[in-house]
Amino acid sequence: RVIAAKVADKLLTIKGVEASVVLVRIDDAINISARSGGAINVQLVLEKCGGGGHFDMAGAQLKNTSMREAVHAVKSAINAYLDNTDNA
């Protein structure tokens, strides 16, 4: 989990990256770590995946889920967040 958080942090140092989401399988769960440079509320994104956190740092855990299903869930959560912020 610590490595996923560090990777998410490191991805924010890439020019043009406003947010990062890292998924890693540990035993029977997919752990998700998300970070934001301030433009995207990753807490709201990961709340849709059953997680939480803060505006710029959040996490979630999906048990008994395949990586494909987890990636789909995260993409859906991101799209829902972006759709809502476009309408706000």
Protein backbone atom coordinates (compact mmCIF):
# COMPACT_ATOMS: atom_id res chain seq x y z
CA ARG A 1 0.00 0.00 0.00
CA VAL A 2 2.82 2.36 0.80
CA ILE A 3 4.36 1.85 -2.62
CA ALA A 4 1.03 2.59 -4.33
CA ALA A 5 0.79 5.86 -2.40
CA LYS A 6 4.37 6.78 -3.29
CA VAL A 7 3.76 6.01 -6.97
CA ALA A 8 0.60 8.14 -6.93
CA ASP A 9 2.61 11.00 -5.38
CA LYS A 10 5.43 10.62 -7.91
CA LEU A 11 3.03 10.67 -10.88
CA LEU A 12 1.94 14.17 -9.84
CA THR A 13 5.45 15.42 -10.60
CA ILE A 14 4.94 14.74 -14.31
CA LYS A 15 4.19 17.94 -16.20
CA GLY A 16 0.51 18.20 -17.08
CA VAL A 17 -0.68 15.52 -14.62
CA GLU A 18 -3.40 16.96 -12.39
CA ALA A 19 -4.34 13.75 -10.60
CA SER A 20 -3.17 10.17 -10.31
CA VAL A 21 -4.81 6.90 -9.39
CA VAL A 22 -2.81 3.75 -8.67
CA LEU A 23 -4.33 0.29 -8.25
CA VAL A 24 -2.46 -2.64 -6.71
CA ARG A 25 -3.59 -6.14 -5.80
CA ILE A 26 -2.75 -7.27 -2.29
CA ASP A 27 -4.09 -10.73 -1.42
CA ASP A 28 -7.85 -10.75 -2.19
CA ALA A 29 -8.26 -6.97 -2.53
CA ILE A 30 -7.48 -4.20 -4.96
CA ASN A 31 -6.06 -1.21 -3.08
CA ILE A 32 -6.52 2.18 -4.71
CA SER A 33 -4.49 5.27 -3.92
CA ALA A 34 -5.34 8.63 -5.49
CA ARG A 35 -3.60 11.99 -5.35
CA SER A 36 -4.45 15.41 -6.74
CA GLY A 37 -2.49 18.56 -7.36
CA GLY A 38 -5.56 20.56 -6.30
CA ALA A 39 -7.65 20.68 -9.46
CA ILE A 40 -9.56 17.42 -8.91
CA ASN A 41 -11.28 16.27 -5.72
CA VAL A 42 -10.06 12.67 -5.49
CA GLN A 43 -12.07 12.16 -2.30
CA LEU A 44 -15.29 12.51 -4.27
CA VAL A 45 -13.98 10.16 -6.95
CA LEU A 46 -13.03 7.39 -4.53
CA GLU A 47 -16.16 7.78 -2.42
CA LYS A 48 -17.96 6.31 -5.45
CA CYS A 49 -15.71 3.24 -5.02
CA GLY A 50 -16.48 2.93 -1.30
CA GLY A 51 -13.40 4.83 -0.14
CA GLY A 52 -12.67 8.27 1.15
CA GLY A 53 -10.00 10.64 2.30
CA HIS A 54 -9.32 14.27 1.57
CA PHE A 55 -9.63 16.59 -1.42
CA ASP A 56 -6.07 15.88 -2.60
CA MET A 57 -5.39 12.44 -1.08
CA ALA A 58 -7.78 9.48 -0.97
CA GLY A 59 -7.92 5.71 -0.96
CA ALA A 60 -10.26 2.77 -1.37
CA GLN A 61 -10.17 -1.00 -1.19
CA LEU A 62 -12.22 -3.35 -3.33
CA LYS A 63 -12.38 -6.91 -1.99
CA ASN A 64 -12.97 -10.00 -4.13
CA THR A 65 -12.78 -7.89 -7.28
CA SER A 66 -10.73 -8.48 -10.40
CA MET A 67 -8.30 -5.82 -11.58
CA ARG A 68 -10.43 -5.36 -14.69
CA GLU A 69 -13.54 -4.72 -12.57
CA ALA A 70 -11.62 -2.33 -10.32
CA VAL A 71 -10.27 -0.35 -13.27
CA HIS A 72 -13.80 -0.14 -14.70
CA ALA A 73 -15.15 1.08 -11.33
CA VAL A 74 -12.47 3.78 -11.09
CA LYS A 75 -13.03 4.93 -14.67
CA SER A 76 -16.77 5.12 -14.04
CA ALA A 77 -16.19 7.12 -10.85
CA ILE A 78 -13.86 9.54 -12.66
CA ASN A 79 -16.35 10.00 -15.50
CA ALA A 80 -19.21 10.62 -13.05
CA TYR A 81 -17.08 13.18 -11.19
CA LEU A 82 -16.12 14.96 -14.41
CA ASP A 83 -19.72 14.95 -15.65
CA ASN A 84 -20.88 16.54 -12.37
CA THR A 85 -18.15 19.20 -12.34
CA ASP A 86 -18.86 20.12 -15.95
CA ASN A 87 -22.48 20.80 -15.00
CA ALA A 88 -21.69 22.74 -11.82
